[in-house]
Protein backbone atom coordinates (compact mmCIF):
# COMPACT_ATOMS: atom_id res chain seq x y z
CA UNK A 1 -56.20 -63.07 -12.41
CA UNK A 2 -59.79 -64.23 -12.80
CA UNK A 3 -62.74 -61.90 -12.98
CA UNK A 4 -66.22 -62.84 -11.84
CA UNK A 5 -69.13 -61.16 -13.60
CA UNK A 6 -72.78 -61.78 -12.86
CA UNK A 7 -75.48 -61.56 -15.50
CA UNK A 8 -79.19 -61.26 -14.83
CA UNK A 9 -81.60 -62.84 -17.29
CA UNK A 10 -85.13 -64.16 -17.31
CA UNK A 11 -83.86 -67.39 -18.90
CA UNK A 12 -83.22 -70.49 -16.84
CA UNK A 13 -79.73 -71.94 -16.41
CA UNK A 14 -80.68 -74.67 -18.92
CA UNK A 15 -81.83 -72.07 -21.47
CA UNK A 16 -78.78 -69.81 -21.13
CA UNK A 17 -75.48 -71.17 -19.92
CA UNK A 18 -72.41 -69.03 -19.15
CA UNK A 19 -71.31 -68.96 -22.79
CA UNK A 20 -74.68 -67.71 -24.01
CA UNK A 21 -74.85 -65.04 -21.29
CA UNK A 22 -71.35 -63.92 -22.32
CA UNK A 23 -72.56 -63.70 -25.93
CA UNK A 24 -75.48 -61.50 -24.76
CA UNK A 25 -73.07 -59.16 -22.96
CA UNK A 26 -70.70 -58.99 -25.92
CA UNK A 27 -73.62 -58.35 -28.24
CA UNK A 28 -74.73 -55.42 -26.08
CA UNK A 29 -71.24 -53.92 -26.19
CA UNK A 30 -71.28 -54.37 -29.96
CA UNK A 31 -74.40 -52.22 -30.10
CA UNK A 32 -72.83 -49.67 -27.75
CA UNK A 33 -69.63 -49.46 -29.79
CA UNK A 34 -71.31 -49.66 -33.18
CA UNK A 35 -74.27 -47.32 -32.89
CA UNK A 36 -74.15 -45.34 -29.68
CA UNK A 37 -70.49 -44.42 -29.98
CA UNK A 38 -71.06 -43.20 -33.52
CA UNK A 39 -74.02 -41.13 -32.43
CA UNK A 40 -72.27 -39.77 -29.32
CA UNK A 41 -68.77 -39.15 -30.61
CA UNK A 42 -69.14 -38.70 -34.36
CA UNK A 43 -72.53 -37.00 -34.53
CA UNK A 44 -71.97 -35.25 -31.17
CA UNK A 45 -75.32 -36.15 -29.63
CA UNK A 46 -73.92 -35.78 -26.13
CA UNK A 47 -72.94 -32.17 -26.88
CA UNK A 48 -76.43 -31.24 -28.02
CA UNK A 49 -78.28 -28.79 -25.75
CA UNK A 50 -81.74 -29.42 -27.20
CA UNK A 51 -83.96 -30.57 -24.33
CA UNK A 52 -87.48 -29.26 -25.05
CA UNK A 53 -90.47 -31.19 -26.37
CA UNK A 54 -89.92 -33.81 -29.04
CA UNK A 55 -86.79 -32.18 -30.46
CA UNK A 56 -84.31 -34.61 -28.80
CA UNK A 57 -86.18 -37.62 -30.20
CA UNK A 58 -86.36 -36.04 -33.64
CA UNK A 59 -82.62 -35.31 -33.67
CA UNK A 60 -81.95 -38.91 -32.66
CA UNK A 61 -84.20 -40.10 -35.48
CA UNK A 62 -82.36 -37.89 -37.98
CA UNK A 63 -78.98 -39.17 -36.75
CA UNK A 64 -80.17 -42.78 -37.09
CA UNK A 65 -81.36 -42.09 -40.65
CA UNK A 66 -78.02 -40.48 -41.51
CA UNK A 67 -76.11 -43.47 -40.14
CA UNK A 68 -78.44 -45.85 -41.96
CA UNK A 69 -77.94 -44.05 -45.27
CA UNK A 70 -74.18 -44.08 -44.81
CA UNK A 71 -74.18 -47.75 -43.87
CA UNK A 72 -76.32 -48.60 -46.89
CA UNK A 73 -73.82 -46.78 -49.06
CA UNK A 74 -70.99 -48.82 -47.51
CA UNK A 75 -69.35 -45.96 -45.63
CA UNK A 76 -66.98 -47.24 -42.94
CA UNK A 77 -65.49 -43.93 -41.79
CA UNK A 78 -68.37 -41.70 -40.66
CA UNK A 79 -66.24 -38.65 -39.67
CA UNK A 80 -64.62 -38.64 -43.11
CA UNK A 81 -68.05 -38.92 -44.76
CA UNK A 82 -69.36 -36.01 -42.65
CA UNK A 83 -66.50 -33.82 -43.84
CA UNK A 84 -66.99 -34.88 -47.46
CA UNK A 85 -70.73 -34.24 -47.46
CA UNK A 86 -70.26 -30.91 -45.65
CA UNK A 87 -67.93 -29.84 -48.46
CA UNK A 88 -70.12 -31.30 -51.25
CA UNK A 89 -73.72 -30.58 -50.36
CA UNK A 90 -74.98 -31.76 -53.74
CA UNK A 91 -73.68 -35.26 -52.92
CA UNK A 92 -75.43 -35.15 -49.55
CA UNK A 93 -78.73 -34.27 -51.22
CA UNK A 94 -78.25 -37.06 -53.76
CA UNK A 95 -77.56 -39.50 -50.92
CA UNK A 96 -80.82 -38.51 -49.22
CA UNK A 97 -82.83 -38.68 -52.43
CA UNK A 98 -81.38 -42.07 -53.33
CA UNK A 99 -79.52 -41.00 -56.46
CA UNK A 100 -76.17 -42.52 -57.25
CA UNK A 101 -73.18 -40.20 -56.98
């Protein structure tokens, strides 16, 4: 069974053929699965009830920093890292300060 999907872009047909549009779509899903899923599921952003002022943006910023620090350290399993750092707060502080553990 074939599936027809339409993509909207400001590029002309010569600038972006079907393969390139498909790459754009796949790239967007890579962002969704790589960053947003981690923030929503692992860091539980969707469960957060903070809705006043700049607090939601600040929590998002903090979550992005946390994910960036973990990525820089080479962490592949974020839930496991959360549990480890929750149990070993000194390691979490060293991660934030840039010290090696």
